[in-house]
PDB file of N, CA and C in Angstrom:
ATOM      1  N   MET A   1      11.224 -11.876  -6.223  1.00  0.00           N
ATOM      2  CA  MET A   1      11.524 -10.694  -5.891  1.00  0.00           C
ATOM      3  C   MET A   1      10.351  -9.597  -6.446  1.00  0.00           C
ATOM      4  N   ASN A   2       9.992  -8.979  -5.456  1.00  0.00           N
ATOM      5  CA  ASN A   2       8.721  -7.915  -5.931  1.00  0.00           C
ATOM      6  C   ASN A   2       9.262  -6.483  -5.768  1.00  0.00           C
ATOM      7  N   ARG A   3       8.384  -5.878  -6.347  1.00  0.00           N
ATOM      8  CA  ARG A   3       8.775  -4.354  -6.498  1.00  0.00           C
ATOM      9  C   ARG A   3       9.340  -3.564  -5.347  1.00  0.00           C
ATOM     10  N   ALA A   4       8.735  -3.814  -4.283  1.00  0.00           N
ATOM     11  CA  ALA A   4       9.375  -3.483  -3.049  1.00  0.00           C
ATOM     12  C   ALA A   4      10.803  -3.706  -2.865  1.00  0.00           C
ATOM     13  N   ALA A   5      10.993  -4.957  -3.157  1.00  0.00           N
ATOM     14  CA  ALA A   5      12.351  -5.390  -2.919  1.00  0.00           C
ATOM     15  C   ALA A   5      13.231  -4.795  -3.876  1.00  0.00           C
ATOM     16  N   MET A   6      12.815  -4.881  -5.209  1.00  0.00           N
ATOM     17  CA  MET A   6      13.695  -4.233  -6.079  1.00  0.00           C
ATOM     18  C   MET A   6      13.935  -2.586  -5.863  1.00  0.00           C
ATOM     19  N   ALA A   7      12.937  -2.092  -5.155  1.00  0.00           N
ATOM     20  CA  ALA A   7      13.010  -0.599  -4.913  1.00  0.00           C
ATOM     21  C   ALA A   7      14.213  -0.431  -3.816  1.00  0.00           C
ATOM     22  N   LYS A   8      14.356  -1.399  -2.955  1.00  0.00           N
ATOM     23  CA  LYS A   8      14.955  -1.374  -1.931  1.00  0.00           C
ATOM     24  C   LYS A   8      16.296  -1.874  -1.984  1.00  0.00           C
ATOM     25  N   GLN A   9      16.607  -2.734  -3.233  1.00  0.00           N
ATOM     26  CA  GLN A   9      17.737  -2.805  -3.810  1.00  0.00           C
ATOM     27  C   GLN A   9      18.476  -1.610  -4.539  1.00  0.00           C
ATOM     28  N   LYS A  10      17.993  -0.752  -5.363  1.00  0.00           N
ATOM     29  CA  LYS A  10      18.266   0.160  -5.885  1.00  0.00           C
ATOM     30  C   LYS A  10      18.502   1.295  -5.002  1.00  0.00           C
ATOM     31  N   LYS A  11      17.835   1.497  -4.019  1.00  0.00           N
ATOM     32  CA  LYS A  11      18.212   2.413  -2.869  1.00  0.00           C
ATOM     33  C   LYS A  11      19.495   2.098  -2.023  1.00  0.00           C
ATOM     34  N   LYS A  12      19.794   0.848  -1.994  1.00  0.00           N
ATOM     35  CA  LYS A  12      21.110   0.386  -1.283  1.00  0.00           C
ATOM     36  C   LYS A  12      22.056   0.328  -2.184  1.00  0.00           C
ATOM     37  N   TYR A  13      22.071   0.358  -3.761  1.00  0.00           N
ATOM     38  CA  TYR A  13      23.028   0.663  -4.394  1.00  0.00           C
ATOM     39  C   TYR A  13      23.425   2.214  -4.767  1.00  0.00           C
ATOM     40  N   ASN A  14      22.529   2.901  -4.654  1.00  0.00           N
ATOM     41  CA  ASN A  14      22.494   4.368  -4.545  1.00  0.00           C
ATOM     42  C   ASN A  14      23.208   4.853  -3.130  1.00  0.00           C
ATOM     43  N   ALA A  15      22.920   4.353  -2.327  1.00  0.00           N
ATOM     44  CA  ALA A  15      23.520   4.588  -1.037  1.00  0.00           C
ATOM     45  C   ALA A  15      24.901   4.384  -0.930  1.00  0.00           C
ATOM     46  N   TRP A  16      25.122   3.125  -1.530  1.00  0.00           N
ATOM     47  CA  TRP A  16      26.683   2.536  -1.320  1.00  0.00           C
ATOM     48  C   TRP A  16      27.600   3.347  -2.493  1.00  0.00           C
ATOM     49  N   ARG A  17      26.941   3.690  -3.702  1.00  0.00           N
ATOM     50  CA  ARG A  17      27.597   4.724  -4.760  1.00  0.00           C
ATOM     51  C   ARG A  17      27.810   5.907  -3.955  1.00  0.00           C
ATOM     52  N   HIS A  18      26.971   6.411  -3.371  1.00  0.00           N
ATOM     53  CA  HIS A  18      27.099   7.801  -2.851  1.00  0.00           C
ATOM     54  C   HIS A  18      28.240   7.559  -1.555  1.00  0.00           C
ATOM     55  N   TYR A  19      28.357   6.553  -0.943  1.00  0.00           N
ATOM     56  CA  TYR A  19      29.393   6.708   0.143  1.00  0.00           C
ATOM     57  C   TYR A  19      30.838   6.323  -0.536  1.00  0.00           C
ATOM     58  N   THR A  20      30.679   5.595  -1.671  1.00  0.00           N
ATOM     59  CA  THR A  20      32.040   5.625  -2.560  1.00  0.00           C
ATOM     60  C   THR A  20      32.509   6.704  -3.109  1.00  0.00           C
ATOM     61  N   GLN A  21      31.527   7.615  -3.192  1.00  0.00           N
ATOM     62  CA  GLN A  21      31.965   8.921  -4.049  1.00  0.00           C
ATOM     63  C   GLN A  21      32.737  10.099  -2.803  1.00  0.00           C
ATOM     64  N   THR A  22      31.833   9.829  -1.700  1.00  0.00           N
ATOM     65  CA  THR A  22      32.143  10.843  -0.610  1.00  0.00           C
ATOM     66  C   THR A  22      33.254  10.243   0.356  1.00  0.00           C
ATOM     67  N   GLY A  23      33.239   8.839   0.672  1.00  0.00           N
ATOM     68  CA  GLY A  23      34.118   8.487   1.714  1.00  0.00           C
ATOM     69  C   GLY A  23      33.836   8.710   3.102  1.00  0.00           C
ATOM     70  N   ASP A  24      32.452   9.438   3.203  1.00  0.00           N
ATOM     71  CA  ASP A  24      32.233  10.035   4.573  1.00  0.00           C
ATOM     72  C   ASP A  24      31.730   8.613   5.239  1.00  0.00           C
ATOM     73  N   TYR A  25      31.950   8.673   6.615  1.00  0.00           N
ATOM     74  CA  TYR A  25      31.426   7.494   7.594  1.00  0.00           C
ATOM     75  C   TYR A  25      30.029   7.454   7.796  1.00  0.00           C
ATOM     76  N   ILE A  26      29.241   8.778   7.663  1.00  0.00           N
ATOM     77  CA  ILE A  26      27.761   8.792   8.014  1.00  0.00           C
ATOM     78  C   ILE A  26      27.030   8.169   6.635  1.00  0.00           C
ATOM     79  N   ASP A  27      27.859   8.380   5.487  1.00  0.00           N
ATOM     80  CA  ASP A  27      27.163   7.637   4.509  1.00  0.00           C
ATOM     81  C   ASP A  27      27.439   6.159   4.432  1.00  0.00           C
ATOM     82  N   TYR A  28      28.246   5.821   5.056  1.00  0.00           N
ATOM     83  CA  TYR A  28      29.056   4.223   5.027  1.00  0.00           C
ATOM     84  C   TYR A  28      27.836   3.464   6.039  1.00  0.00           C
ATOM     85  N   VAL A  29      27.570   4.400   7.247  1.00  0.00           N
ATOM     86  CA  VAL A  29      26.304   3.693   8.182  1.00  0.00           C
ATOM     87  C   VAL A  29      24.925   3.713   7.364  1.00  0.00           C
ATOM     88  N   GLY A  30      24.783   4.590   6.478  1.00  0.00           N
ATOM     89  CA  GLY A  30      23.534   4.634   5.801  1.00  0.00           C
ATOM     90  C   GLY A  30      23.520   3.529   4.739  1.00  0.00           C
ATOM     91  N   ALA A  31      24.518   3.404   4.367  1.00  0.00           N
ATOM     92  CA  ALA A  31      24.581   2.183   3.182  1.00  0.00           C
ATOM     93  C   ALA A  31      24.590   0.927   3.856  1.00  0.00           C
ATOM     94  N   THR A  32      25.122   0.839   5.003  1.00  0.00           N
ATOM     95  CA  THR A  32      25.099  -0.352   5.698  1.00  0.00           C
ATOM     96  C   THR A  32      23.739  -0.727   6.244  1.00  0.00           C
ATOM     97  N   GLN A  33      23.178   0.157   6.749  1.00  0.00           N
ATOM     98  CA  GLN A  33      21.782   0.332   6.994  1.00  0.00           C
ATOM     99  C   GLN A  33      20.623  -0.329   5.818  1.00  0.00           C
ATOM    100  N   GLU A  34      21.035   0.267   4.755  1.00  0.00           N
ATOM    101  CA  GLU A  34      20.050  -0.025   3.456  1.00  0.00           C
ATOM    102  C   GLU A  34      20.574  -1.605   3.223  1.00  0.00           C
ATOM    103  N   LYS A  35      21.680  -1.771   3.306  1.00  0.00           N
ATOM    104  CA  LYS A  35      22.122  -3.418   3.199  1.00  0.00           C
ATOM    105  C   LYS A  35      21.403  -4.246   4.188  1.00  0.00           C
ATOM    106  N   ASN A  36      21.494  -3.911   5.386  1.00  0.00           N
ATOM    107  CA  ASN A  36      20.743  -4.728   6.085  1.00  0.00           C
ATOM    108  C   ASN A  36      19.121  -4.888   6.189  1.00  0.00           C
ATOM    109  N   LYS A  37      18.384  -3.755   5.685  1.00  0.00           N
ATOM    110  CA  LYS A  37      17.044  -3.750   5.292  1.00  0.00           C
ATOM    111  C   LYS A  37      16.849  -4.820   4.146  1.00  0.00           C
ATOM    112  N   LEU A  38      17.596  -4.465   3.299  1.00  0.00           N
ATOM    113  CA  LEU A  38      17.420  -5.575   2.016  1.00  0.00           C
ATOM    114  C   LEU A  38      17.775  -6.961   2.512  1.00  0.00           C
ATOM    115  N   THR A  39      18.532  -7.263   3.058  1.00  0.00           N
ATOM    116  CA  THR A  39      18.811  -8.597   3.663  1.00  0.00           C
ATOM    117  C   THR A  39      17.794  -9.210   4.280  1.00  0.00           C
ATOM    118  N   LYS A  40      17.179  -8.383   5.288  1.00  0.00           N
ATOM    119  CA  LYS A  40      16.016  -8.895   6.051  1.00  0.00           C
ATOM    120  C   LYS A  40      14.793  -9.106   5.252  1.00  0.00           C
ATOM    121  N   MET A  41      14.474  -7.946   4.299  1.00  0.00           N
ATOM    122  CA  MET A  41      13.496  -8.214   3.412  1.00  0.00           C
ATOM    123  C   MET A  41      13.441  -9.566   2.404  1.00  0.00           C
ATOM    124  N   THR A  42      14.753  -9.722   1.990  1.00  0.00           N
ATOM    125  CA  THR A  42      14.722 -11.024   1.129  1.00  0.00           C
ATOM    126  C   THR A  42      14.666 -12.326   1.773  1.00  0.00           C
ATOM    127  N   ARG A  43      15.218 -12.200   3.093  1.00  0.00           N
ATOM    128  CA  ARG A  43      15.015 -13.501   3.884  1.00  0.00           C
ATOM    129  C   ARG A  43      13.472 -13.693   4.238  1.00  0.00           C
ATOM    130  N   ASN A  44      12.770 -12.633   4.485  1.00  0.00           N
ATOM    131  CA  ASN A  44      11.369 -12.720   4.865  1.00  0.00           C
ATOM    132  C   ASN A  44      10.557 -13.292   3.428  1.00  0.00           C
ATOM    133  N   LEU A  45      10.965 -12.731   2.430  1.00  0.00           N
ATOM    134  CA  LEU A  45      10.342 -13.112   1.004  1.00  0.00           C
ATOM    135  C   LEU A  45      10.575 -14.083   0.689  1.00  0.00           C
ATOM    136  N   CYS A  46      11.677 -15.040   1.010  1.00  0.00           N
ATOM    137  CA  CYS A  46      12.060 -16.226   0.798  1.00  0.00           C
ATOM    138  C   CYS A  46      11.249 -17.214   1.611  1.00  0.00           C
ATOM    139  N   ARG A  47      11.360 -16.837   3.016  1.00  0.00           N
ATOM    140  CA  ARG A  47      10.456 -17.709   3.868  1.00  0.00           C
ATOM    141  C   ARG A  47       8.795 -17.610   3.522  1.00  0.00           C
ATOM    142  N   ASP A  48       8.567 -16.523   3.255  1.00  0.00           N
ATOM    143  CA  ASP A  48       7.153 -16.679   2.841  1.00  0.00           C
ATOM    144  C   ASP A  48       6.716 -17.550   1.590  1.00  0.00           C
ATOM    145  N   PHE A  49       7.530 -17.366   0.752  1.00  0.00           N
ATOM    146  CA  PHE A  49       7.574 -18.207  -0.717  1.00  0.00           C
ATOM    147  C   PHE A  49       7.717 -19.591  -0.169  1.00  0.00           C
ATOM    148  N   GLU A  50       8.751 -19.913   0.515  1.00  0.00           N
ATOM    149  CA  GLU A  50       8.733 -21.517   0.776  1.00  0.00           C
ATOM    150  C   GLU A  50       7.483 -21.989   1.606  1.00  0.00           C
ATOM    151  N   LYS A  51       6.992 -21.159   2.508  1.00  0.00           N
ATOM    152  CA  LYS A  51       5.705 -21.339   3.320  1.00  0.00           C
ATOM    153  C   LYS A  51       4.433 -21.687   2.291  1.00  0.00           C
ATOM    154  N   ASP A  52       4.395 -20.865   1.102  1.00  0.00           N
ATOM    155  CA  ASP A  52       3.258 -20.892   0.377  1.00  0.00           C
ATOM    156  C   ASP A  52       3.412 -22.304  -0.437  1.00  0.00           C
ATOM    157  N   ILE A  53       4.806 -22.564  -0.761  1.00  0.00           N
ATOM    158  CA  ILE A  53       5.154 -23.826  -1.601  1.00  0.00           C
ATOM    159  C   ILE A  53       4.425 -25.101  -0.713  1.00  0.00           C
ATOM    160  N   VAL A  54       4.886 -25.112   0.481  1.00  0.00           N
ATOM    161  CA  VAL A  54       4.465 -26.203   1.394  1.00  0.00           C
ATOM    162  C   VAL A  54       3.082 -26.419   1.601  1.00  0.00           C
ATOM    163  N   LYS A  55       2.328 -24.848   1.601  1.00  0.00           N
ATOM    164  CA  LYS A  55       0.975 -24.999   1.949  1.00  0.00           C
ATOM    165  C   LYS A  55       0.305 -25.523   0.955  1.00  0.00           C
ATOM    166  N   ASN A  56       1.049 -25.285  -0.590  1.00  0.00           N
ATOM    167  CA  ASN A  56       0.010 -25.609  -1.750  1.00  0.00           C
ATOM    168  C   ASN A  56       0.276 -27.195  -1.966  1.00  0.00           C
ATOM    169  N   ILE A  57       1.336 -27.759  -1.511  1.00  0.00           N
ATOM    170  CA  ILE A  57       1.747 -29.349  -1.682  1.00  0.00           C
ATOM    171  C   ILE A  57       0.699 -30.090  -0.902  1.00  0.00           C
ATOM    172  N   GLY A  58       0.461 -29.500   0.251  1.00  0.00           N
ATOM    173  CA  GLY A  58      -0.343 -30.544   1.322  1.00  0.00           C
ATOM    174  C   GLY A  58      -1.824 -30.158   1.048  1.00  0.00           C
TER     175      GLY A  58
END
């Protein structure tokens, strides 16, 4: 996990915490969007890491 992913994880956590405090639907949508962004970034980082491993083996 790199710094950008860690920053996105913190942003997701803060968005979810904000939603739980307010209970507002708009905050829920924002938290869900942050979750989806983090998931996409994590999958891409994992894919790139595995590609580098394969490249270095051969």
